[in-house]
């Protein structure tokens, strides 16, 4: 009888733990980031004027979805470098972008590089 009670209790505990976790649901409910809503603003604020041609930049333009999407791996790599390291971006600043700004780029990539 004790064995049956222990097995039943263990099975009930496993069932409850497997079905009442809110972390899975919360992660799937999180809105996905898009270029237009999230990334474009981060680029305008942090990559200007160098990567925004209308503001006098002469580097690879990041004022459009296609260029940012095609270079996202390199962008993420470079914004994760430390100041002084070769390739560090943003080049004109002496500090890294904030963790939350870097997270915008990495989450956008993880979300599937949505445009809108």
Protein backbone atom coordinates (compact mmCIF):
# COMPACT_ATOMS: atom_id res chain seq x y z
CA UNK A 1 0.00 0.00 0.00
CA UNK A 2 2.89 2.38 0.84
CA UNK A 3 4.51 1.72 -2.55
CA UNK A 4 1.27 2.52 -4.34
CA UNK A 5 0.91 5.77 -2.39
CA UNK A 6 4.52 6.80 -3.14
CA UNK A 7 4.23 5.95 -6.85
CA UNK A 8 0.90 7.77 -7.10
CA UNK A 9 2.31 10.84 -5.34
CA UNK A 10 5.37 10.90 -7.58
CA UNK A 11 3.25 10.58 -10.72
CA UNK A 12 0.96 13.39 -9.56
CA UNK A 13 3.96 15.62 -8.80
CA UNK A 14 5.45 15.01 -12.24
CA UNK A 15 2.11 15.76 -13.91
CA UNK A 16 1.64 19.01 -11.96
CA UNK A 17 5.17 20.23 -12.60
CA UNK A 18 4.99 19.45 -16.30
CA UNK A 19 1.70 21.25 -16.88
CA UNK A 20 1.72 24.28 -14.63
CA UNK A 21 5.00 25.94 -15.61
CA UNK A 22 4.40 29.52 -16.68
CA UNK A 23 7.85 30.06 -18.19
CA UNK A 24 7.01 28.20 -21.41
CA UNK A 25 3.80 30.14 -21.87
CA UNK A 26 5.42 33.47 -21.03
CA UNK A 27 8.19 32.90 -23.55
CA UNK A 28 5.75 32.09 -26.32
CA UNK A 29 3.60 35.13 -25.47
CA UNK A 30 6.51 37.56 -25.76
CA UNK A 31 6.07 39.79 -28.81
CA UNK A 32 8.54 39.26 -31.62
CA UNK A 33 10.81 42.10 -32.59
CA UNK A 34 10.78 43.60 -36.07
CA UNK A 35 13.12 45.81 -38.04
CA UNK A 36 10.64 48.66 -38.37
CA UNK A 37 9.40 48.66 -34.78
CA UNK A 38 12.61 47.93 -32.89
CA UNK A 39 15.84 47.63 -34.84
CA UNK A 40 15.53 50.70 -37.05
CA UNK A 41 15.28 52.95 -33.98
CA UNK A 42 18.33 51.35 -32.36
CA UNK A 43 20.32 51.86 -35.56
CA UNK A 44 19.22 55.47 -35.98
CA UNK A 45 20.17 56.27 -32.37
CA UNK A 46 23.49 54.40 -32.27
CA UNK A 47 24.88 54.03 -35.79
CA UNK A 48 24.35 57.55 -37.06
CA UNK A 49 25.89 59.35 -38.86
CA UNK A 50 28.34 56.73 -40.16
CA UNK A 51 25.77 54.16 -41.38
CA UNK A 52 22.95 56.59 -42.25
CA UNK A 53 23.69 58.15 -45.68
CA UNK A 54 21.18 60.99 -45.27
CA UNK A 55 23.14 62.15 -42.22
CA UNK A 56 26.47 62.24 -44.02
CA UNK A 57 27.66 58.69 -43.50
CA UNK A 58 29.89 56.94 -45.99
CA UNK A 59 30.01 53.43 -44.50
CA UNK A 60 27.74 50.54 -45.48
CA UNK A 61 24.22 52.00 -45.18
CA UNK A 62 22.00 50.52 -42.48
CA UNK A 63 19.02 52.69 -43.24
CA UNK A 64 17.20 49.78 -44.88
CA UNK A 65 15.99 46.35 -43.88
CA UNK A 66 17.86 44.38 -46.57
CA UNK A 67 21.34 45.62 -45.61
CA UNK A 68 20.81 45.14 -41.88
CA UNK A 69 19.36 41.67 -42.39
CA UNK A 70 22.25 40.57 -44.59
CA UNK A 71 24.86 41.89 -42.13
CA UNK A 72 23.18 40.96 -38.83
CA UNK A 73 25.81 38.38 -37.81
CA UNK A 74 28.63 40.87 -38.33
CA UNK A 75 26.69 43.64 -36.59
CA UNK A 76 26.10 41.44 -33.54
CA UNK A 77 29.73 40.32 -33.50
CA UNK A 78 31.05 43.88 -33.64
CA UNK A 79 28.71 45.43 -31.07
CA UNK A 80 29.70 42.67 -28.64
CA UNK A 81 33.39 43.57 -28.88
CA UNK A 82 34.97 45.73 -26.19
CA UNK A 83 36.26 49.25 -26.87
CA UNK A 84 39.78 49.08 -28.24
CA UNK A 85 39.29 45.71 -29.92
CA UNK A 86 39.68 45.70 -33.69
CA UNK A 87 36.27 46.12 -35.31
CA UNK A 88 34.52 47.49 -32.21
CA UNK A 89 31.31 49.33 -32.97
CA UNK A 90 30.08 51.96 -32.59
CA UNK A 91 33.54 53.20 -33.55
CA UNK A 92 33.10 56.83 -32.48
CA UNK A 93 31.95 55.92 -28.98
CA UNK A 94 34.29 54.81 -26.23
CA UNK A 95 31.72 52.58 -24.53
CA UNK A 96 29.74 49.54 -25.60
CA UNK A 97 26.08 49.76 -26.39
CA UNK A 98 23.86 48.93 -23.45
CA UNK A 99 23.00 45.28 -22.87
CA UNK A 100 19.36 46.08 -23.67
CA UNK A 101 20.32 47.61 -27.04
CA UNK A 102 22.51 44.64 -27.92
CA UNK A 103 19.63 42.38 -26.91
CA UNK A 104 17.39 44.09 -29.48
CA UNK A 105 19.66 42.90 -32.28
CA UNK A 106 20.14 39.38 -30.93
CA UNK A 107 16.43 38.88 -30.16
CA UNK A 108 15.46 40.22 -33.59
CA UNK A 109 17.71 37.60 -35.16
CA UNK A 110 16.33 34.87 -32.89
CA UNK A 111 12.76 35.96 -33.73
CA UNK A 112 13.40 35.38 -37.43
CA UNK A 113 14.50 38.82 -38.73
CA UNK A 114 10.98 40.14 -39.26
CA UNK A 115 10.64 43.32 -41.29
CA UNK A 116 7.29 44.59 -39.97
